[in-house]
C-alpha atoms as a PDB file:
ATOM      1  CA  UNK A   1      25.195  39.780  34.590  1.00  0.00           C
ATOM      2  CA  UNK A   2      23.498  42.817  36.061  1.00  0.00           C
ATOM      3  CA  UNK A   3      21.299  43.526  33.278  1.00  0.00           C
ATOM      4  CA  UNK A   4      20.329  39.802  32.367  1.00  0.00           C
ATOM      5  CA  UNK A   5      19.711  39.673  36.301  1.00  0.00           C
ATOM      6  CA  UNK A   6      17.283  42.598  36.240  1.00  0.00           C
ATOM      7  CA  UNK A   7      15.477  40.894  32.907  1.00  0.00           C
ATOM      8  CA  UNK A   8      14.976  37.830  34.329  1.00  0.00           C
ATOM      9  CA  UNK A   9      13.775  39.159  37.916  1.00  0.00           C
ATOM     10  CA  UNK A  10      11.441  41.538  36.005  1.00  0.00           C
ATOM     11  CA  UNK A  11      10.013  39.075  33.844  1.00  0.00           C
ATOM     12  CA  UNK A  12       9.247  36.368  36.642  1.00  0.00           C
ATOM     13  CA  UNK A  13       7.991  39.175  38.836  1.00  0.00           C
ATOM     14  CA  UNK A  14       5.620  40.278  35.970  1.00  0.00           C
ATOM     15  CA  UNK A  15       4.659  36.724  35.314  1.00  0.00           C
ATOM     16  CA  UNK A  16       3.646  36.190  39.150  1.00  0.00           C
ATOM     17  CA  UNK A  17       1.552  39.428  38.776  1.00  0.00           C
ATOM     18  CA  UNK A  18       0.044  37.879  35.442  1.00  0.00           C
ATOM     19  CA  UNK A  19      -0.858  34.864  37.218  1.00  0.00           C
ATOM     20  CA  UNK A  20      -2.268  36.455  40.122  1.00  0.00           C
ATOM     21  CA  UNK A  21      -4.865  38.704  37.664  1.00  0.00           C
ATOM     22  CA  UNK A  22      -5.564  35.418  36.081  1.00  0.00           C
ATOM     23  CA  UNK A  23      -6.945  34.073  39.487  1.00  0.00           C
ATOM     24  CA  UNK A  24      -8.649  37.309  40.077  1.00  0.00           C
ATOM     25  CA  UNK A  25      -9.826  37.088  36.560  1.00  0.00           C
ATOM     26  CA  UNK A  26     -11.233  33.618  36.454  1.00  0.00           C
ATOM     27  CA  UNK A  27     -11.925  32.709  40.391  1.00  0.00           C
ATOM     28  CA  UNK A  28     -12.076  36.467  41.731  1.00  0.00           C
ATOM     29  CA  UNK A  29      -9.723  35.092  43.950  1.00  0.00           C
ATOM     30  CA  UNK A  30      -6.576  37.693  45.033  1.00  0.00           C
ATOM     31  CA  UNK A  31      -3.509  35.507  45.891  1.00  0.00           C
ATOM     32  CA  UNK A  32      -1.247  38.550  47.283  1.00  0.00           C
ATOM     33  CA  UNK A  33      -4.316  39.859  49.255  1.00  0.00           C
ATOM     34  CA  UNK A  34      -4.966  36.116  50.583  1.00  0.00           C
ATOM     35  CA  UNK A  35      -1.093  35.760  51.807  1.00  0.00           C
ATOM     36  CA  UNK A  36      -0.331  39.520  52.631  1.00  0.00           C
ATOM     37  CA  UNK A  37      -3.567  40.881  53.564  1.00  0.00           C
ATOM     38  CA  UNK A  38      -6.288  43.161  51.669  1.00  0.00           C
ATOM     39  CA  UNK A  39      -4.096  46.588  50.718  1.00  0.00           C
ATOM     40  CA  UNK A  40      -1.640  46.142  53.955  1.00  0.00           C
ATOM     41  CA  UNK A  41       1.618  47.896  53.241  1.00  0.00           C
ATOM     42  CA  UNK A  42       3.225  44.558  51.890  1.00  0.00           C
ATOM     43  CA  UNK A  43       0.575  43.766  49.421  1.00  0.00           C
ATOM     44  CA  UNK A  44       0.688  47.260  48.017  1.00  0.00           C
ATOM     45  CA  UNK A  45       4.687  47.082  48.022  1.00  0.00           C
ATOM     46  CA  UNK A  46       4.221  43.725  46.003  1.00  0.00           C
ATOM     47  CA  UNK A  47       1.614  45.527  43.609  1.00  0.00           C
ATOM     48  CA  UNK A  48       3.765  48.548  43.062  1.00  0.00           C
ATOM     49  CA  UNK A  49       6.843  45.992  42.529  1.00  0.00           C
ATOM     50  CA  UNK A  50       4.605  44.194  39.687  1.00  0.00           C
ATOM     51  CA  UNK A  51       3.595  47.306  37.836  1.00  0.00           C
ATOM     52  CA  UNK A  52       6.928  48.598  37.965  1.00  0.00           C
ATOM     53  CA  UNK A  53       8.453  45.598  36.287  1.00  0.00           C
ATOM     54  CA  UNK A  54       5.696  45.889  33.723  1.00  0.00           C
ATOM     55  CA  UNK A  55       6.994  49.120  32.928  1.00  0.00           C
ATOM     56  CA  UNK A  56      10.378  47.952  32.690  1.00  0.00           C
ATOM     57  CA  UNK A  57       9.400  45.426  30.767  1.00  0.00           C
ATOM     58  CA  UNK A  58       8.340  47.766  28.168  1.00  0.00           C
ATOM     59  CA  UNK A  59      11.824  48.539  27.057  1.00  0.00           C
ATOM     60  CA  UNK A  60      11.759  44.821  25.724  1.00  0.00           C
ATOM     61  CA  UNK A  61      10.036  45.886  22.372  1.00  0.00           C
ATOM     62  CA  UNK A  62      12.595  48.959  21.888  1.00  0.00           C
ATOM     63  CA  UNK A  63      15.210  45.991  22.069  1.00  0.00           C
ATOM     64  CA  UNK A  64      13.475  43.777  19.719  1.00  0.00           C
ATOM     65  CA  UNK A  65      13.104  46.645  16.887  1.00  0.00           C
ATOM     66  CA  UNK A  66      16.664  47.393  17.618  1.00  0.00           C
ATOM     67  CA  UNK A  67      17.659  43.772  17.039  1.00  0.00           C
ATOM     68  CA  UNK A  68      19.688  43.887  20.037  1.00  0.00           C
ATOM     69  CA  UNK A  69      20.485  41.264  22.512  1.00  0.00           C
ATOM     70  CA  UNK A  70      22.307  41.691  26.000  1.00  0.00           C
END
């Protein structure tokens, strides 16, 4: 269960980050900065978590090439 929970959490956070980047690219609107403040400690934590989740999701490529599922 732990691995599936981590996978789902990382994927959810990465999707939220992707939506935020889409908003920045299309409308020049940073939702994280709007909610938590421009580079406040909380927004920096959120940006860091999104980045770490993205790095973790790189391991999905290795699992796809192995053909293994959790």
